[in-house]
């Protein structure tokens, strides 16, 4: 018996051909998915152990250091104060710090960054006025951080 494309076996041959072509891809996809899944699980475990071990004070210390380093580089390169404030908010969000505008760690970190950058007294005063405004506690935190870095 000779099979032709018009024969009743056509759907069966098509299914066999599709299965034969997709079978190697399925194995590869499965192995790739498993590898990707294993990698995600490993990353998840790593993230959860970091966040579980990161107490609020540890996160705040890390945030203060981030602010210090960012401030030091900002002082050297310059830019708009609005951009500086925006990045402070992003740093706070990355460290799960809420209400960064009222957090003393923000202002101490700014002071430390000014000290690290070896900012002059007029520069420190300008940053204090622009960032602390008339808030004496914020100004004091900047001064405390600046003096700690000297």
N, C-alpha and C. Protein backbone atom coordinates (compact mmCIF):
# COMPACT_ATOMS: atom_id res chain seq x y z
N UNK A 1 0.83 -1.15 0.00
CA UNK A 1 0.00 0.00 0.00
C UNK A 1 0.90 1.24 0.00
N UNK A 2 0.60 2.17 -0.83
CA UNK A 2 1.36 3.40 -0.97
C UNK A 2 0.56 4.52 -0.31
N UNK A 3 1.27 5.27 0.60
CA UNK A 3 0.57 6.36 1.26
C UNK A 3 0.78 7.63 0.45
N UNK A 4 -0.26 8.37 0.36
CA UNK A 4 -0.19 9.68 -0.29
C UNK A 4 -0.69 10.72 0.69
N UNK A 5 -0.48 11.98 0.38
CA UNK A 5 -0.90 13.06 1.27
C UNK A 5 -2.41 13.06 1.47
N UNK A 6 -3.12 12.50 0.59
CA UNK A 6 -4.57 12.46 0.69
C UNK A 6 -5.06 11.25 1.47
N UNK A 7 -4.19 10.40 1.93
CA UNK A 7 -4.59 9.17 2.62
C UNK A 7 -5.09 9.46 4.02
N UNK A 8 -5.75 8.48 4.66
CA UNK A 8 -6.26 8.67 6.00
C UNK A 8 -5.15 8.75 7.06
N UNK A 9 -3.93 8.42 6.71
CA UNK A 9 -2.81 8.46 7.66
C UNK A 9 -2.18 9.86 7.79
N UNK A 10 -2.61 10.77 6.98
CA UNK A 10 -2.00 12.10 6.95
C UNK A 10 -2.00 12.78 8.33
N UNK A 11 -3.10 12.84 9.08
CA UNK A 11 -3.07 13.50 10.39
C UNK A 11 -2.12 12.79 11.35
N UNK A 12 -2.07 11.46 11.29
CA UNK A 12 -1.18 10.71 12.17
C UNK A 12 0.28 11.01 11.84
N UNK A 13 0.64 11.05 10.58
CA UNK A 13 2.01 11.36 10.17
C UNK A 13 2.38 12.78 10.59
N UNK A 14 1.46 13.69 10.44
CA UNK A 14 1.71 15.09 10.85
C UNK A 14 1.99 15.16 12.35
N UNK A 15 1.22 14.46 13.16
CA UNK A 15 1.40 14.47 14.61
C UNK A 15 2.75 13.86 14.99
N UNK A 16 3.11 12.75 14.31
CA UNK A 16 4.39 12.10 14.59
C UNK A 16 5.54 13.04 14.21
N UNK A 17 5.43 13.70 13.08
CA UNK A 17 6.46 14.61 12.63
C UNK A 17 6.61 15.78 13.61
N UNK A 18 5.51 16.37 14.05
CA UNK A 18 5.56 17.48 15.00
C UNK A 18 6.18 17.01 16.32
N UNK A 19 5.77 15.82 16.80
CA UNK A 19 6.30 15.29 18.05
C UNK A 19 7.81 15.05 17.92
N UNK A 20 8.22 14.51 16.79
CA UNK A 20 9.65 14.23 16.58
C UNK A 20 10.47 15.52 16.56
N UNK A 21 9.90 16.58 16.01
CA UNK A 21 10.62 17.85 15.97
C UNK A 21 10.64 18.56 17.33
N UNK A 22 9.57 18.43 18.09
CA UNK A 22 9.47 19.15 19.35
C UNK A 22 10.06 18.40 20.53
N UNK A 23 10.20 17.10 20.44
CA UNK A 23 10.71 16.31 21.56
C UNK A 23 12.08 16.79 22.05
N UNK A 24 13.06 16.99 21.16
CA UNK A 24 14.35 17.47 21.66
C UNK A 24 14.24 18.87 22.29
N UNK A 25 13.37 19.70 21.74
CA UNK A 25 13.20 21.04 22.30
C UNK A 25 12.58 20.97 23.69
N UNK A 26 11.66 20.05 23.87
CA UNK A 26 11.01 19.90 25.17
C UNK A 26 12.00 19.50 26.24
N UNK A 27 12.91 18.61 25.93
CA UNK A 27 13.92 18.19 26.91
C UNK A 27 14.84 19.35 27.25
N UNK A 28 15.23 20.06 26.22
CA UNK A 28 16.12 21.19 26.45
C UNK A 28 15.41 22.26 27.26
N UNK A 29 14.16 22.53 26.92
CA UNK A 29 13.39 23.53 27.64
C UNK A 29 13.21 23.12 29.09
N UNK A 30 12.95 21.83 29.31
CA UNK A 30 12.76 21.34 30.66
C UNK A 30 14.04 21.51 31.49
N UNK A 31 15.18 21.16 30.91
CA UNK A 31 16.45 21.30 31.62
C UNK A 31 16.74 22.77 31.88
N UNK A 32 16.45 23.60 30.89
CA UNK A 32 16.68 25.03 31.04
C UNK A 32 15.77 25.60 32.11
N UNK A 33 14.52 25.18 32.13
CA UNK A 33 13.58 25.66 33.13
C UNK A 33 14.01 25.24 34.52
N UNK A 34 14.48 23.98 34.63
CA UNK A 34 14.93 23.50 35.94
C UNK A 34 16.11 24.32 36.42
N UNK A 35 17.06 24.58 35.51
CA UNK A 35 18.23 25.36 35.87
C UNK A 35 17.82 26.77 36.30
N UNK A 36 16.92 27.37 35.54
CA UNK A 36 16.44 28.70 35.87
C UNK A 36 15.69 28.69 37.19
N UNK A 37 14.90 27.65 37.41
CA UNK A 37 14.15 27.52 38.65
C UNK A 37 15.10 27.37 39.84
N UNK A 38 16.13 26.52 39.67
CA UNK A 38 17.11 26.34 40.73
C UNK A 38 17.81 27.65 41.06
N UNK A 39 18.15 28.40 40.01
CA UNK A 39 18.82 29.67 40.19
C UNK A 39 17.92 30.66 40.93
N UNK A 40 16.64 30.70 40.57
CA UNK A 40 15.69 31.58 41.24
C UNK A 40 15.53 31.20 42.70
N UNK A 41 15.46 29.91 42.97
CA UNK A 41 15.32 29.45 44.36
C UNK A 41 16.54 29.85 45.17
N UNK A 42 17.71 29.70 44.57
CA UNK A 42 18.94 30.06 45.27
C UNK A 42 18.97 31.56 45.55
N UNK A 43 18.56 32.35 44.55
CA UNK A 43 18.52 33.80 44.72
C UNK A 43 17.51 34.19 45.77
N UNK A 44 16.36 33.52 45.77
CA UNK A 44 15.32 33.79 46.76
C UNK A 44 15.80 33.49 48.17
N UNK A 45 16.47 32.35 48.32
CA UNK A 45 16.99 31.98 49.64
C UNK A 45 18.00 33.01 50.11
N UNK A 46 18.86 33.46 49.19
CA UNK A 46 19.86 34.45 49.54
C UNK A 46 19.20 35.76 49.96
N UNK A 47 18.21 36.22 49.21
CA UNK A 47 17.52 37.47 49.53
C UNK A 47 16.79 37.37 50.85
N UNK A 48 16.13 36.24 51.09
CA UNK A 48 15.38 36.13 52.34
C UNK A 48 16.30 36.06 53.54
N UNK A 49 17.48 35.46 53.37
CA UNK A 49 18.39 35.41 54.51
C UNK A 49 18.99 36.78 54.79
N UNK A 50 19.17 37.58 53.73
CA UNK A 50 19.67 38.94 53.94
C UNK A 50 18.61 39.78 54.64
N UNK A 51 17.37 39.73 54.13
CA UNK A 51 16.34 40.57 54.73
C UNK A 51 15.96 40.07 56.11
N UNK A 52 16.03 38.78 56.34
CA UNK A 52 15.71 38.25 57.66
C UNK A 52 16.76 38.66 58.67
N UNK A 53 18.01 38.74 58.24
CA UNK A 53 19.08 39.09 59.17
C UNK A 53 19.29 40.60 59.27
N UNK A 54 18.65 41.34 58.38
CA UNK A 54 18.81 42.79 58.38
C UNK A 54 17.79 43.44 59.30
N UNK A 55 18.23 43.74 60.49
CA UNK A 55 17.37 44.43 61.43
C UNK A 55 17.24 45.88 60.98
N UNK A 56 16.27 46.60 61.52
CA UNK A 56 16.13 48.01 61.13
C UNK A 56 17.42 48.81 61.35
N UNK A 57 18.15 48.52 62.42
CA UNK A 57 19.38 49.29 62.67
C UNK A 57 20.47 48.95 61.64
N UNK A 58 20.53 47.69 61.20
CA UNK A 58 21.51 47.31 60.18
C UNK A 58 21.16 47.98 58.86
N UNK A 59 19.88 47.95 58.49
CA UNK A 59 19.45 48.61 57.25
C UNK A 59 19.73 50.11 57.31
N UNK A 60 19.49 50.71 58.48
CA UNK A 60 19.73 52.14 58.63
C UNK A 60 21.22 52.46 58.53
N UNK A 61 22.07 51.62 59.10
CA UNK A 61 23.53 51.81 58.98
C UNK A 61 23.97 51.72 57.52
N UNK A 62 23.43 50.74 56.81
CA UNK A 62 23.78 50.58 55.39
C UNK A 62 23.28 51.79 54.59
N UNK A 63 22.08 52.25 54.93
CA UNK A 63 21.52 53.43 54.27
C UNK A 63 22.39 54.66 54.54
N UNK A 64 22.81 54.85 55.77
CA UNK A 64 23.66 55.99 56.14
C UNK A 64 24.95 55.97 55.31
N UNK A 65 25.53 54.78 55.14
CA UNK A 65 26.75 54.65 54.34
C UNK A 65 26.48 54.95 52.86
N UNK A 66 25.33 54.48 52.37
CA UNK A 66 24.95 54.77 50.99
C UNK A 66 24.82 56.28 50.78
N UNK A 67 24.16 56.94 51.73
CA UNK A 67 23.98 58.40 51.65
C UNK A 67 25.34 59.10 51.71
N UNK A 68 26.21 58.64 52.60
CA UNK A 68 27.55 59.22 52.72
C UNK A 68 28.29 59.14 51.38
N UNK A 69 28.31 57.94 50.81
CA UNK A 69 29.06 57.74 49.56
C UNK A 69 28.45 58.53 48.41
N UNK A 70 27.12 58.54 48.35
CA UNK A 70 26.45 59.30 47.28
C UNK A 70 26.71 60.79 47.45
N UNK A 71 26.61 61.29 48.67
CA UNK A 71 26.85 62.71 48.93
C UNK A 71 28.27 63.10 48.55
N UNK A 72 29.23 62.29 48.93
CA UNK A 72 30.63 62.59 48.62
C UNK A 72 30.83 62.69 47.10
N UNK A 73 30.27 61.77 46.36
CA UNK A 73 30.44 61.82 44.90
C UNK A 73 29.66 62.99 44.30
N UNK A 74 28.50 63.28 44.87
CA UNK A 74 27.69 64.39 44.37
C UNK A 74 28.40 65.73 44.59
N UNK A 75 29.01 65.90 45.76
CA UNK A 75 29.71 67.14 46.08
C UNK A 75 30.84 67.36 45.07
N UNK A 76 31.51 66.30 44.69
CA UNK A 76 32.64 66.42 43.75
C UNK A 76 32.18 66.70 42.33
N UNK A 77 31.02 66.14 41.94
CA UNK A 77 30.57 66.28 40.56
C UNK A 77 29.55 67.40 40.38
N UNK A 78 28.83 67.75 41.43
CA UNK A 78 27.82 68.81 41.34
C UNK A 78 26.53 68.32 40.72
N UNK A 79 25.59 69.22 40.59
CA UNK A 79 24.30 68.89 40.01
C UNK A 79 23.20 69.69 40.68
N UNK A 80 21.98 69.37 40.31
CA UNK A 80 20.82 70.07 40.87
C UNK A 80 20.42 69.44 42.20
N UNK A 81 20.03 70.26 43.16
CA UNK A 81 19.64 69.77 44.48
C UNK A 81 18.40 68.87 44.39
N UNK A 82 17.52 69.14 43.42
CA UNK A 82 16.32 68.30 43.23
C UNK A 82 16.73 66.88 42.85
N UNK A 83 17.75 66.77 42.00
CA UNK A 83 18.24 65.44 41.60
C UNK A 83 18.88 64.73 42.80
N UNK A 84 19.58 65.49 43.61
CA UNK A 84 20.20 64.95 44.81
C UNK A 84 19.13 64.38 45.74
N UNK A 85 18.09 65.15 45.98
CA UNK A 85 17.00 64.71 46.87
C UNK A 85 16.28 63.49 46.30
N UNK A 86 16.09 63.49 44.99
CA UNK A 86 15.41 62.35 44.35
C UNK A 86 16.21 61.07 44.58
N UNK A 87 17.52 61.15 44.42
CA UNK A 87 18.37 59.96 44.61
C UNK A 87 18.38 59.53 46.07
N UNK A 88 18.32 60.49 47.00
CA UNK A 88 18.22 60.12 48.42
C UNK A 88 16.97 59.29 48.65
N UNK A 89 15.87 59.69 48.06
CA UNK A 89 14.62 58.93 48.19
C UNK A 89 14.76 57.53 47.61
N UNK A 90 15.46 57.40 46.50
CA UNK A 90 15.68 56.08 45.89
C UNK A 90 16.54 55.20 46.79
N UNK A 91 17.59 55.79 47.36
CA UNK A 91 18.45 55.03 48.27
C UNK A 91 17.66 54.54 49.48
N UNK A 92 16.80 55.41 50.01
CA UNK A 92 15.97 55.03 51.16
C UNK A 92 15.05 53.88 50.79
N UNK A 93 14.44 53.97 49.63
CA UNK A 93 13.52 52.91 49.18
C UNK A 93 14.26 51.58 49.03
N UNK A 94 15.47 51.62 48.49
CA UNK A 94 16.27 50.40 48.30
C UNK A 94 16.58 49.73 49.64
N UNK A 95 16.68 50.51 50.70
CA UNK A 95 17.01 49.98 52.04
C UNK A 95 15.78 49.87 52.94
N UNK A 96 14.59 50.01 52.36
CA UNK A 96 13.34 49.94 53.13
C UNK A 96 13.30 50.97 54.26
N UNK A 97 13.79 52.15 53.98
CA UNK A 97 13.74 53.25 54.94
C UNK A 97 12.54 54.12 54.56
N UNK A 98 11.65 54.30 55.51
CA UNK A 98 10.48 55.13 55.24
C UNK A 98 10.71 56.53 55.80
N UNK A 99 10.05 57.49 55.19
CA UNK A 99 10.10 58.88 55.63
C UNK A 99 11.54 59.38 55.76
N UNK A 100 12.31 59.20 54.71
CA UNK A 100 13.72 59.56 54.72
C UNK A 100 13.94 61.04 55.01
N UNK A 101 12.96 61.88 54.65
CA UNK A 101 13.11 63.33 54.85
C UNK A 101 13.19 63.69 56.34
N UNK A 102 12.65 62.82 57.20
CA UNK A 102 12.65 63.09 58.64
C UNK A 102 13.60 62.17 59.40
N UNK A 103 14.30 61.30 58.70
CA UNK A 103 15.18 60.33 59.34
C UNK A 103 16.55 60.94 59.61
N UNK A 104 16.99 60.97 60.88
CA UNK A 104 18.30 61.54 61.21
C UNK A 104 19.46 60.87 60.46
N UNK A 105 19.31 59.58 60.11
CA UNK A 105 20.38 58.88 59.37
C UNK A 105 20.64 59.54 58.02
N UNK A 106 19.60 60.10 57.41
CA UNK A 106 19.78 60.79 56.14
C UNK A 106 20.74 61.96 56.31
N UNK A 107 20.49 62.76 57.32
CA UNK A 107 21.27 63.98 57.51
C UNK A 107 22.67 63.70 58.06
N UNK A 108 22.78 62.69 58.90
CA UNK A 108 24.11 62.30 59.36
C UNK A 108 24.92 61.76 58.18
N UNK A 109 24.27 60.97 57.31
CA UNK A 109 24.94 60.46 56.12
C UNK A 109 25.38 61.58 55.19
N UNK A 110 24.54 62.61 55.06
CA UNK A 110 24.91 63.77 54.24
C UNK A 110 26.14 64.44 54.84
N UNK A 111 26.12 64.65 56.15
CA UNK A 111 27.27 65.26 56.82
C UNK A 111 28.53 64.43 56.64
N UNK A 112 28.39 63.11 56.78
CA UNK A 112 29.55 62.22 56.59
C UNK A 112 30.07 62.32 55.15
N UNK A 113 29.15 62.42 54.20
CA UNK A 113 29.56 62.56 52.80
C UNK A 113 30.28 63.87 52.55
N UNK A 114 29.81 64.93 53.19
CA UNK A 114 30.48 66.23 53.08
C UNK A 114 31.89 66.14 53.66
N UNK A 115 32.01 65.45 54.80
CA UNK A 115 33.32 65.26 55.40
C UNK A 115 34.23 64.41 54.53
N UNK A 116 33.67 63.35 53.98
CA UNK A 116 34.46 62.45 53.12
C UNK A 116 34.96 63.19 51.87
N UNK A 117 34.13 64.11 51.38
CA UNK A 117 34.50 64.89 50.19
C UNK A 117 35.40 66.07 50.54
N UNK A 118 35.67 66.24 51.83
CA UNK A 118 36.50 67.36 52.30
C UNK A 118 35.89 68.70 51.88
N UNK A 119 34.56 68.80 52.04
CA UNK A 119 33.86 70.03 51.69
C UNK A 119 34.30 71.15 52.63
N UNK A 120 34.35 72.36 52.09
CA UNK A 120 34.72 73.53 52.88
C UNK A 120 33.54 73.93 53.78
N UNK A 121 33.81 74.75 54.78
CA UNK A 121 32.74 75.23 55.67
C UNK A 121 31.63 75.94 54.91
N UNK A 122 31.94 76.80 53.94
CA UNK A 122 30.85 77.42 53.17
C UNK A 122 29.99 76.40 52.42
N UNK A 123 30.63 75.34 51.88
CA UNK A 123 29.87 74.29 51.20
C UNK A 123 28.96 73.56 52.20
N UNK A 124 29.51 73.24 53.37
CA UNK A 124 28.73 72.55 54.40
C UNK A 124 27.53 73.42 54.79
N UNK A 125 27.75 74.71 54.96
CA UNK A 125 26.66 75.62 55.32
C UNK A 125 25.61 75.67 54.22
N UNK A 126 26.04 75.70 52.98
CA UNK A 126 25.10 75.75 51.86
C UNK A 126 24.25 74.48 51.81
N UNK A 127 24.87 73.32 51.96
CA UNK A 127 24.11 72.06 51.97
C UNK A 127 23.17 72.01 53.17
N UNK A 128 23.64 72.49 54.31
CA UNK A 128 22.80 72.47 55.51
C UNK A 128 21.57 73.34 55.31
N UNK A 129 21.75 74.52 54.76
CA UNK A 129 20.61 75.43 54.52
C UNK A 129 19.66 74.82 53.50
N UNK A 130 20.21 74.27 52.41
CA UNK A 130 19.36 73.70 51.35
C UNK A 130 18.64 72.43 51.76
N UNK A 131 19.23 71.64 52.65
CA UNK A 131 18.64 70.35 52.97
C UNK A 131 17.94 70.32 54.33
N UNK A 132 18.49 71.02 55.31
CA UNK A 132 17.88 71.01 56.64
C UNK A 132 16.90 72.16 56.81
N UNK A 133 17.07 73.19 56.02
CA UNK A 133 16.20 74.36 56.16
C UNK A 133 16.35 74.95 57.55
N UNK A 134 15.23 75.17 58.21
CA UNK A 134 15.26 75.76 59.55
C UNK A 134 15.16 74.72 60.65
N UNK A 135 15.27 73.43 60.26
CA UNK A 135 15.16 72.35 61.25
C UNK A 135 16.51 72.15 61.95
N UNK A 136 16.55 72.54 63.22
CA UNK A 136 17.80 72.48 64.00
C UNK A 136 18.30 71.05 64.18
N UNK A 137 17.39 70.09 64.32
CA UNK A 137 17.81 68.69 64.50
C UNK A 137 18.49 68.15 63.24
N UNK A 138 17.94 68.48 62.09
CA UNK A 138 18.56 68.03 60.84
C UNK A 138 19.93 68.69 60.66
N UNK A 139 20.00 69.98 60.96
CA UNK A 139 21.27 70.70 60.85
C UNK A 139 22.30 70.10 61.80
N UNK A 140 21.87 69.76 63.00
CA UNK A 140 22.78 69.16 63.98
C UNK A 140 23.27 67.79 63.50
N UNK A 141 22.39 67.00 62.87
CA UNK A 141 22.78 65.69 62.34
C UNK A 141 23.82 65.84 61.23
N UNK A 142 23.65 66.85 60.38
CA UNK A 142 24.64 67.09 59.31
C UNK A 142 25.98 67.45 59.94
N UNK A 143 25.95 68.34 60.92
CA UNK A 143 27.19 68.78 61.60
C UNK A 143 27.86 67.59 62.29
N UNK A 144 27.06 66.78 62.99
CA UNK A 144 27.60 65.60 63.69
C UNK A 144 28.26 64.65 62.68
N UNK A 145 27.61 64.38 61.57
CA UNK A 145 28.18 63.49 60.56
C UNK A 145 29.44 64.06 59.94
N UNK A 146 29.42 65.35 59.67
CA UNK A 146 30.59 66.01 59.07
C UNK A 146 31.79 65.89 60.00
N UNK A 147 31.59 66.19 61.26
CA UNK A 147 32.68 66.14 62.23
C UNK A 147 33.18 64.71 62.46
N UNK A 148 32.30 63.74 62.33
CA UNK A 148 32.70 62.34 62.51
C UNK A 148 33.62 61.86 61.40
N UNK A 149 33.51 62.46 60.22
CA UNK A 149 34.33 62.04 59.08
C UNK A 149 35.68 62.74 59.02
N UNK A 150 35.84 63.79 59.78
CA UNK A 150 37.11 64.55 59.70
C UNK A 150 38.23 63.83 60.41
